Amino acid sequence: MKIRLLPALFISLFSAILGGAVVLQFAQQPPVVQTLDSKPQALLTHGQPAPVHPASVVSTEPFVGKAAALPDFRNAAGQALDAVVHVRTAQTVASNYGWYDWSGMFQRQAPQSVPSGSGSGVILSEDGYIVTNNHVIESADNIEIGLNDNRTFTAELVGTDPTTDIAVLKIDASGLKALEWGNSDAVQVGDWVLAVGNPFDLTSTVTAGIVSAKARDIQLLQPDWDRSLFPIESFIQTDAAVNPGNSGGALVSDRGGLIGINTAIASRTGSYAGYAFAIPASLAQKVARDIIEFGAVQRAFLGVNIQPVTEETARRLTLPSVSGVLVSGVTDASGAQDAGMLVGDVILSVAGTPTPTLPELLERVNRFRPGQSATVEVWRDQKLMALQVELGSREGLLSQRLSEDDSPRDSPPLQAPEMP
């Protein structure tokens, strides 16, 4: 009897050892995250289960008296879908000479309209104003708008602003579903957001993610040297899936407010890699309103040269933190000079909103129009000072300088020009 039990005991012991070896080997493998349902999966790390996201746990207990693990995006998506449009562009291309028919010689064929790209846009008003990215409609001769209800319209270009990558279109329609502007200033890192657009020509696509960072300057836009206009980049970074075709579409809060215009992604393949960028609503709204009302952006001009605050600068000026924007020059006859701003001041806020970085300062100043005033807080001589600055325009300042240069002088200038 004992002899018969020996093979069984040997097999059981061998199975236990083999099973332990398999578990140990699996535990030593690097963790792999599967994204079948866009939710984090449970991993084995060093033989211990990693923390499991609540959304990935299937509970067998009744759902009574428990809070939902994720927010309900249905309402926000429902508000956005009908307000996000499909933008299709085409360019007119002249044909080469060729045989038109056998009865004549070489004749030029009529120009043809060739599709050149597609993107997304957001309806701003029920009478047909639409905001999108400038790069979506740049160089387009024909712009077609597709609504979520499958109607199509030909759009008219109202105006563009390449330095913020914003463009405004108009279609001849009424009673459209418009998306209300949200407060991008209130958005915090970690907040849930939705990206709504038409990636890869897939109309009315909604993806979800969180805000990864704010005030990103990714060196995407190019300056307009001819008009001395420089890009304003203060992007909201998210990890919502955004792909080619999403440009110009809506970044929506979980409450359904328009908090940004999806513009770019960081990727080595050209497709989504987890890093998407949107123009904040605070800037996009002002630019769009200016274009609709004036046909061009009304740019406020503070009148300073600026540079980032470094750790050495903060130590030298005894700043409370390494934050703010250093004034390295003040323009003559500007609002900053009239308000008493000096070289060496550190700008900490504009109109009550902190400006810890260059992008945030530029974005904040560009919310104003020439002629408006703003309270600018600066750090000087180890204390805070509030300066009331009347913002001007670059064009007005240049015109004033030209008129001064053309006017006769009774005496030489008091100060010689600075040499490089």
Protein backbone atom coordinates (compact mmCIF):
# COMPACT_ATOMS: atom_id res chain seq x y z
CA MET A 1 0.00 0.00 0.00
CA LYS A 2 2.80 2.38 0.87
CA ILE A 3 4.57 1.48 -2.34
CA ARG A 4 1.49 2.47 -4.36
CA LEU A 5 1.34 5.86 -2.63
CA LEU A 6 4.91 6.81 -3.54
CA PRO A 7 4.20 7.69 -7.23
CA ALA A 8 1.20 9.80 -6.23
CA LEU A 9 3.21 11.70 -3.61
CA PHE A 10 6.04 12.22 -6.08
CA ILE A 11 3.67 13.59 -8.73
CA SER A 12 2.01 15.97 -6.23
CA LEU A 13 5.36 17.25 -4.97
CA PHE A 14 6.63 17.76 -8.53
CA SER A 15 3.45 19.65 -9.53
CA ALA A 16 3.75 21.95 -6.52
CA ILE A 17 7.38 22.76 -7.30
CA LEU A 18 6.62 23.32 -10.96
CA GLY A 19 3.65 25.56 -10.15
CA GLY A 20 5.75 27.66 -7.79
CA ALA A 21 8.41 28.06 -10.45
CA VAL A 22 5.87 29.25 -12.99
CA VAL A 23 4.44 31.84 -10.58
CA LEU A 24 7.93 33.05 -9.68
CA GLN A 25 8.94 33.36 -13.31
CA PHE A 26 5.79 35.34 -14.14
CA ALA A 27 6.37 37.65 -11.20
CA GLN A 28 9.82 38.52 -12.50
CA GLN A 29 8.53 39.64 -15.91
CA PRO A 30 8.15 43.40 -16.47
CA PRO A 31 4.58 44.60 -15.96
CA VAL A 32 2.45 44.89 -19.08
CA VAL A 33 -0.64 47.07 -19.19
CA GLN A 34 -3.41 45.99 -21.51
CA THR A 35 -5.68 48.70 -22.81
CA LEU A 36 -8.56 46.65 -24.15
CA ASP A 37 -11.13 48.86 -22.40
CA SER A 38 -8.94 51.92 -21.65
CA LYS A 39 -8.82 51.01 -17.98
CA PRO A 40 -5.72 50.06 -15.97
CA GLN A 41 -5.36 46.32 -15.41
CA ALA A 42 -4.14 44.45 -12.33
CA LEU A 43 -0.43 43.61 -12.52
CA LEU A 44 1.86 41.25 -10.68
CA THR A 45 4.97 43.00 -9.44
CA HIS A 46 7.52 41.14 -7.32
CA GLY A 47 4.93 38.51 -6.55
CA GLN A 48 2.45 41.03 -5.09
CA PRO A 49 -0.70 42.36 -6.76
CA ALA A 50 -0.39 46.00 -7.74
CA PRO A 51 -3.09 48.47 -6.71
CA VAL A 52 -6.16 47.97 -8.88
CA HIS A 53 -8.08 50.92 -10.29
CA PRO A 54 -11.59 50.92 -8.83
CA ALA A 55 -13.09 51.10 -12.31
CA SER A 56 -11.49 47.77 -13.28
CA VAL A 57 -13.04 45.82 -10.38
CA VAL A 58 -16.24 43.95 -11.11
CA SER A 59 -18.21 43.72 -7.89
CA THR A 60 -20.80 41.03 -7.25
CA GLU A 61 -22.40 43.05 -4.45
CA PRO A 62 -25.55 45.09 -5.08
CA PHE A 63 -24.87 48.70 -6.14
CA VAL A 64 -26.76 50.24 -3.24
CA GLY A 65 -25.50 53.30 -1.41
CA LYS A 66 -22.18 53.37 -3.29
CA ALA A 67 -20.72 56.30 -5.19
CA ALA A 68 -19.78 55.79 -8.86
CA ALA A 69 -16.07 55.22 -9.45
CA LEU A 70 -16.03 57.39 -12.57
CA PRO A 71 -17.98 60.53 -13.51
CA ASP A 72 -20.90 60.21 -15.88
CA PHE A 73 -19.80 61.69 -19.23
CA ARG A 74 -23.13 61.21 -21.00
CA ASN A 75 -24.43 64.72 -20.34
CA ALA A 76 -21.15 66.42 -21.33
CA ALA A 77 -20.81 64.31 -24.48
CA GLY A 78 -24.43 64.96 -25.40
CA GLN A 79 -23.91 68.73 -25.15
CA ALA A 80 -20.77 68.64 -27.26
CA LEU A 81 -21.60 66.21 -30.06
CA ASP A 82 -24.12 68.42 -31.89
CA ALA A 83 -21.89 71.48 -31.43
CA VAL A 84 -18.73 69.95 -32.94
CA VAL A 85 -18.51 69.97 -36.74
CA HIS A 86 -16.46 68.24 -39.40
CA VAL A 87 -14.28 70.68 -41.38
CA ARG A 88 -13.24 69.50 -44.87
CA THR A 89 -10.99 71.63 -47.05
CA ALA A 90 -10.10 71.64 -50.74
CA GLN A 91 -7.65 73.51 -52.93
CA THR A 92 -8.14 74.60 -56.52
CA VAL A 93 -5.44 73.12 -58.73
CA ALA A 94 -4.82 74.23 -62.31
CA SER A 95 -4.52 71.34 -64.76
CA ASN A 96 -1.60 70.99 -67.17
CA TYR A 97 -1.91 71.24 -70.93
CA GLY A 98 -3.23 68.04 -72.51
CA TRP A 99 -5.43 66.64 -75.23
CA TYR A 100 -8.87 68.04 -74.60
CA ASP A 101 -10.48 66.43 -77.66
CA TRP A 102 -9.40 65.24 -81.10
CA SER A 103 -10.86 68.23 -82.92
CA GLY A 104 -8.45 70.80 -81.53
CA MET A 105 -4.91 71.36 -80.48
CA PHE A 106 -3.62 71.36 -76.92
CA GLN A 107 -6.11 73.15 -74.68
CA ARG A 108 -6.01 73.95 -70.97
CA GLN A 109 -8.47 72.00 -68.87
CA ALA A 110 -10.58 73.73 -66.24
CA PRO A 111 -9.09 74.03 -62.70
CA GLN A 112 -10.08 71.24 -60.36
CA SER A 113 -10.94 71.27 -56.67
CA VAL A 114 -8.81 68.69 -54.87
CA PRO A 115 -9.44 67.65 -51.23
CA SER A 116 -6.58 68.92 -49.08
CA GLY A 117 -7.45 67.92 -45.52
CA SER A 118 -9.99 67.69 -42.76
CA GLY A 119 -10.34 68.66 -39.13
CA SER A 120 -12.90 69.76 -36.60
CA GLY A 121 -14.60 72.93 -35.42
CA VAL A 122 -16.89 74.13 -32.65
CA ILE A 123 -20.15 76.04 -33.14
CA LEU A 124 -20.07 79.26 -31.11
CA SER A 125 -23.49 80.70 -31.96
CA GLU A 126 -26.81 79.46 -33.28
CA ASP A 127 -26.43 81.66 -36.38
CA GLY A 128 -23.39 79.78 -37.64
CA TYR A 129 -20.11 81.16 -36.27
CA ILE A 130 -17.53 78.36 -35.87
CA VAL A 131 -14.08 78.37 -34.28
CA THR A 132 -11.31 76.05 -35.48
CA ASN A 133 -7.53 75.98 -35.87
CA ASN A 134 -5.83 78.20 -38.40
CA HIS A 135 -3.72 75.29 -39.64
CA VAL A 136 -6.89 73.33 -40.47
CA ILE A 137 -8.09 75.85 -43.07
CA GLU A 138 -4.75 77.41 -44.07
CA SER A 139 -4.33 77.65 -47.87
CA ALA A 140 -7.83 76.24 -48.44
CA ASP A 141 -9.88 77.57 -51.36
CA ASN A 142 -13.07 75.79 -50.35
CA ILE A 143 -14.26 74.91 -46.85
CA GLU A 144 -17.12 72.50 -46.23
CA ILE A 145 -18.77 72.02 -42.85
CA GLY A 146 -20.48 68.77 -41.91
CA LEU A 147 -22.88 68.83 -38.96
CA ASN A 148 -23.62 65.95 -36.65
CA ASP A 149 -27.10 65.63 -38.24
CA ASN A 150 -25.43 64.95 -41.64
CA ARG A 151 -26.22 68.37 -43.16
CA THR A 152 -23.41 70.11 -45.05
CA PHE A 153 -22.70 73.80 -45.65
CA THR A 154 -20.10 75.85 -47.46
CA ALA A 155 -18.22 78.04 -44.99
CA GLU A 156 -16.91 81.58 -45.34
CA LEU A 157 -13.62 82.48 -43.68
CA VAL A 158 -14.22 85.37 -41.27
CA GLY A 159 -10.62 85.78 -40.06
CA THR A 160 -7.53 84.07 -38.71
CA ASP A 161 -4.83 84.59 -36.12
CA PRO A 162 -1.73 82.45 -36.83
CA THR A 163 0.01 83.50 -33.60
CA THR A 164 -2.65 81.65 -31.57
CA ASP A 165 -3.63 79.18 -34.34
CA ILE A 166 -7.26 80.30 -34.20
CA ALA A 167 -9.62 80.83 -37.15
CA VAL A 168 -13.31 81.72 -37.32
CA LEU A 169 -15.72 80.47 -40.00
CA LYS A 170 -19.34 81.33 -40.80
CA ILE A 171 -22.05 79.20 -42.37
CA ASP A 172 -25.49 80.34 -43.49
CA ALA A 173 -27.62 78.51 -40.95
CA SER A 174 -29.81 79.19 -37.94
CA GLY A 175 -30.98 77.37 -34.85
CA LEU A 176 -27.68 75.53 -34.45
CA LYS A 177 -26.57 73.91 -31.20
CA ALA A 178 -23.76 76.06 -29.76
CA LEU A 179 -21.31 75.03 -27.07
CA GLU A 180 -20.91 77.41 -24.15
CA TRP A 181 -17.48 78.59 -23.12
CA GLY A 182 -16.18 77.15 -19.87
CA ASN A 183 -13.64 78.56 -17.42
CA SER A 184 -10.21 77.22 -18.36
CA ASP A 185 -8.64 79.11 -15.44
CA ALA A 186 -10.55 76.90 -13.01
CA VAL A 187 -9.28 73.70 -14.63
CA GLN A 188 -6.80 71.83 -12.45
CA VAL A 189 -4.32 69.06 -13.15
CA GLY A 190 -6.14 65.76 -12.65
CA ASP A 191 -9.56 67.01 -13.79
CA TRP A 192 -11.50 64.81 -16.19
CA VAL A 193 -11.93 66.13 -19.75
CA LEU A 194 -13.42 64.97 -23.05
CA ALA A 195 -11.95 65.47 -26.52
CA VAL A 196 -14.63 65.69 -29.22
CA GLY A 197 -13.75 65.73 -32.90
CA ASN A 198 -13.29 63.76 -36.10
CA PRO A 199 -10.03 61.78 -35.93
CA PHE A 200 -9.13 59.91 -39.13
CA ASP A 201 -12.46 61.13 -40.61
CA LEU A 202 -14.39 59.24 -37.93
CA THR A 203 -17.19 61.73 -37.40
CA SER A 204 -18.33 62.69 -33.90
CA THR A 205 -15.79 60.80 -31.81
CA VAL A 206 -15.55 61.29 -28.04
CA THR A 207 -12.54 60.28 -25.94
CA ALA A 208 -11.82 60.87 -22.26
CA GLY A 209 -8.74 61.68 -20.21
CA ILE A 210 -7.41 64.00 -17.56
CA VAL A 211 -5.60 67.32 -17.54
CA SER A 212 -1.90 66.45 -17.40
CA ALA A 213 -0.41 69.97 -17.18
CA LYS A 214 -1.18 73.63 -17.85
CA ALA A 215 0.63 76.52 -19.54
CA ARG A 216 2.72 74.31 -21.83
CA ASP A 217 4.96 76.11 -24.34
CA ILE A 218 5.85 73.50 -26.96
CA GLN A 219 7.37 75.84 -29.59
CA LEU A 220 4.68 74.88 -32.09
CA LEU A 221 3.78 78.24 -33.62
CA GLN A 222 6.05 80.49 -35.66
CA PRO A 223 6.46 84.27 -35.16
CA ASP A 224 5.27 86.78 -37.74
CA TRP A 225 8.47 88.79 -38.14
CA ASP A 226 6.96 91.17 -40.72
CA ARG A 227 4.42 92.46 -38.21
CA SER A 228 6.52 91.83 -35.07
CA LEU A 229 3.94 89.38 -33.77
CA PHE A 230 5.04 86.47 -31.64
CA PRO A 231 3.29 83.20 -30.76
CA ILE A 232 1.24 82.89 -27.61
CA GLU A 233 1.49 79.33 -26.33
CA SER A 234 -0.04 78.37 -23.00
CA PHE A 235 -1.53 74.99 -23.89
CA ILE A 236 -3.57 72.70 -21.68
CA GLN A 237 -1.95 69.26 -21.84
CA THR A 238 -4.20 66.18 -21.61
CA ASP A 239 -3.94 62.45 -22.11
CA ALA A 240 -7.29 62.19 -23.91
CA ALA A 241 -6.81 60.34 -27.19
CA VAL A 242 -6.36 62.97 -29.92
CA ASN A 243 -5.32 62.12 -33.48
CA PRO A 244 -5.09 63.85 -36.89
CA GLY A 245 -8.56 65.21 -37.59
CA ASN A 246 -9.17 66.30 -33.98
CA SER A 247 -7.54 69.68 -34.63
CA GLY A 248 -9.99 72.48 -34.06
CA GLY A 249 -12.32 70.28 -32.02
CA ALA A 250 -13.55 70.72 -28.49
CA LEU A 251 -11.87 69.99 -25.19
CA VAL A 252 -14.82 69.75 -22.81
CA SER A 253 -15.04 69.63 -19.04
CA ASP A 254 -17.03 66.88 -17.35
CA ARG A 255 -19.83 69.44 -17.00
CA GLY A 256 -19.97 70.14 -20.74
CA GLY A 257 -18.23 73.53 -20.91
CA LEU A 258 -15.79 74.32 -23.73
CA ILE A 259 -12.45 74.72 -21.96
CA GLY A 260 -10.09 74.41 -24.94
CA ILE A 261 -9.56 73.92 -28.66
CA ASN A 262 -7.61 70.74 -29.43
CA THR A 263 -4.58 71.71 -31.51
CA ALA A 264 -1.59 69.36 -31.42
CA ILE A 265 -0.08 66.12 -30.18
CA ALA A 266 3.45 65.08 -29.25
CA SER A 267 4.20 61.83 -31.01
CA ARG A 268 7.01 60.00 -32.82
CA THR A 269 4.56 58.20 -35.09
CA GLY A 270 2.09 60.96 -35.96
CA SER A 271 -0.66 59.28 -33.95
CA TYR A 272 -1.78 59.45 -30.33
CA ALA A 273 0.98 58.74 -27.83
CA GLY A 274 -0.58 60.14 -24.66
CA TYR A 275 0.30 63.83 -25.04
CA ALA A 276 -2.29 66.21 -26.48
CA PHE A 277 -2.42 70.00 -26.32
CA ALA A 278 -5.33 72.45 -26.44
CA ILE A 279 -5.56 76.23 -26.62
CA PRO A 280 -7.20 77.36 -23.36
CA ALA A 281 -10.71 78.74 -23.66
CA SER A 282 -9.72 81.99 -21.95
CA LEU A 283 -7.47 82.84 -24.91
CA ALA A 284 -9.48 81.22 -27.71
CA GLN A 285 -12.66 83.00 -26.65
CA LYS A 286 -11.06 86.45 -26.71
CA VAL A 287 -9.40 85.86 -30.09
CA ALA A 288 -12.62 84.51 -31.63
CA ARG A 289 -14.67 87.43 -30.32
CA ASP A 290 -12.15 89.94 -31.69
CA ILE A 291 -12.22 88.30 -35.12
CA ILE A 292 -16.03 88.27 -35.19
CA GLU A 293 -16.36 91.87 -33.99
CA PHE A 294 -13.36 93.56 -35.63
CA GLY A 295 -12.12 91.10 -38.27
CA ALA A 296 -8.73 90.91 -36.54
CA VAL A 297 -7.31 90.39 -33.05
CA GLN A 298 -7.05 93.48 -30.87
CA ARG A 299 -3.71 92.98 -29.10
CA ALA A 300 -2.95 94.67 -25.82
CA PHE A 301 0.66 95.80 -25.41
CA LEU A 302 2.22 95.95 -21.95
CA GLY A 303 5.49 97.49 -23.14
CA VAL A 304 8.22 95.41 -21.49
CA ASN A 305 10.97 93.00 -22.41
CA ILE A 306 10.76 89.91 -20.26
CA GLN A 307 12.64 86.76 -19.34
CA PRO A 308 12.04 83.79 -17.02
CA VAL A 309 12.92 83.92 -13.36
CA THR A 310 15.76 81.52 -12.56
CA GLU A 311 16.79 80.14 -9.19
CA GLU A 312 19.74 82.53 -9.13
CA THR A 313 17.45 85.49 -9.95
CA ALA A 314 15.03 84.50 -7.20
CA ARG A 315 17.89 84.27 -4.68
CA ARG A 316 19.36 87.63 -5.72
CA LEU A 317 16.02 89.42 -5.51
CA THR A 318 14.92 87.48 -2.38
CA LEU A 319 11.75 86.28 -4.07
CA PRO A 320 9.48 84.08 -1.98
CA SER A 321 9.71 81.36 -4.68
CA VAL A 322 11.22 80.70 -8.09
CA SER A 323 8.21 82.15 -9.85
CA GLY A 324 7.29 85.19 -11.92
CA VAL A 325 8.61 87.00 -14.98
CA LEU A 326 11.61 89.34 -14.84
CA VAL A 327 11.39 92.74 -16.55
CA SER A 328 14.61 93.21 -18.52
CA GLY A 329 13.52 96.32 -20.42
CA VAL A 330 10.74 98.92 -20.47
CA THR A 331 9.54 100.46 -23.73
CA ASP A 332 9.45 104.24 -23.93
CA ALA A 333 6.00 105.85 -23.93
CA SER A 334 4.36 102.52 -23.08
CA GLY A 335 1.73 101.84 -20.45
CA ALA A 336 4.31 100.03 -18.33
CA GLN A 337 6.61 103.06 -18.29
CA ASP A 338 3.74 105.43 -17.52
CA ALA A 339 2.74 103.19 -14.59
CA GLY A 340 6.26 103.32 -13.16
CA MET A 341 7.47 99.83 -13.99
CA LEU A 342 11.26 99.45 -13.80
CA VAL A 343 13.93 97.13 -15.08
CA GLY A 344 14.45 94.48 -12.41
CA ASP A 345 10.81 94.27 -11.39
CA VAL A 346 9.34 90.76 -11.29
CA ILE A 347 5.75 90.50 -12.54
CA LEU A 348 3.82 88.12 -10.30
CA SER A 349 0.22 88.60 -11.41
CA VAL A 350 -2.04 90.44 -13.86
CA ALA A 351 -5.58 91.39 -12.86
CA GLY A 352 -5.40 89.11 -9.86
CA THR A 353 -4.29 86.00 -11.78
CA PRO A 354 -0.80 84.67 -10.96
CA THR A 355 1.68 84.69 -13.85
CA PRO A 356 4.48 82.37 -12.71
CA THR A 357 5.80 81.70 -16.23
CA LEU A 358 6.30 83.51 -19.53
CA PRO A 359 3.47 81.67 -21.36
CA GLU A 360 1.01 82.48 -18.59
CA LEU A 361 1.94 86.17 -18.61
CA LEU A 362 1.60 86.43 -22.40
CA GLU A 363 -1.70 84.57 -22.35
CA ARG A 364 -3.04 86.76 -19.55
CA VAL A 365 -2.08 90.08 -21.17
CA ASN A 366 -3.58 88.98 -24.48
CA ARG A 367 -7.00 88.64 -22.91
CA PHE A 368 -7.18 92.45 -22.83
CA ARG A 369 -7.76 94.93 -25.61
CA PRO A 370 -5.85 98.17 -26.19
CA GLY A 371 -7.19 100.94 -23.96
CA GLN A 372 -8.13 98.66 -21.10
CA SER A 373 -6.39 98.84 -17.73
CA ALA A 374 -5.04 96.06 -15.57
CA THR A 375 -3.55 95.83 -12.10
CA VAL A 376 -0.06 94.34 -12.35
CA GLU A 377 1.60 93.09 -9.18
CA VAL A 378 5.40 93.31 -9.17
CA TRP A 379 8.13 92.37 -6.70
CA ARG A 380 10.51 95.26 -6.03
CA ASP A 381 12.91 95.86 -3.15
CA GLN A 382 11.67 92.80 -1.27
CA LYS A 383 8.04 93.85 -1.28
CA LEU A 384 4.90 93.65 -3.41
CA MET A 385 3.75 96.65 -5.40
CA ALA A 386 0.52 97.09 -7.35
CA LEU A 387 0.78 99.14 -10.56
CA GLN A 388 -2.22 100.26 -12.58
CA VAL A 389 -1.18 99.83 -16.22
CA GLU A 390 -3.14 101.20 -19.16
CA LEU A 391 -2.50 98.75 -21.97
CA GLY A 392 -1.79 100.15 -25.40
CA SER A 393 -1.28 98.67 -28.86
CA ARG A 394 1.95 97.99 -30.70
CA GLU A 395 0.60 99.72 -33.81
CA GLY A 396 -0.29 102.84 -31.81
CA LEU A 397 3.13 102.99 -30.23
CA LEU A 398 4.86 102.61 -33.60
CA SER A 399 2.70 105.36 -35.09
CA GLN A 400 3.54 107.64 -32.18
CA ARG A 401 7.24 107.02 -32.64
CA LEU A 402 7.05 107.72 -36.37
CA SER A 403 5.23 110.98 -35.77
CA GLU A 404 7.83 112.01 -33.21
CA ASP A 405 10.65 111.17 -35.60
CA ASP A 406 9.05 113.26 -38.37
CA SER A 407 8.39 116.27 -36.16
CA PRO A 408 11.02 119.09 -35.99
CA ARG A 409 13.23 119.16 -32.90
CA ASP A 410 14.27 122.37 -31.15
CA SER A 411 17.04 120.65 -29.25
CA PRO A 412 18.98 117.40 -29.44
CA PRO A 413 17.65 114.38 -27.55
CA LEU A 414 18.50 114.29 -23.87
CA GLN A 415 19.93 110.78 -24.04
CA ALA A 416 22.12 109.30 -26.72
CA PRO A 417 21.00 105.97 -28.20
CA GLU A 418 22.42 102.92 -26.49
CA MET A 419 25.15 101.08 -28.37
CA PRO A 420 25.16 97.27 -28.55
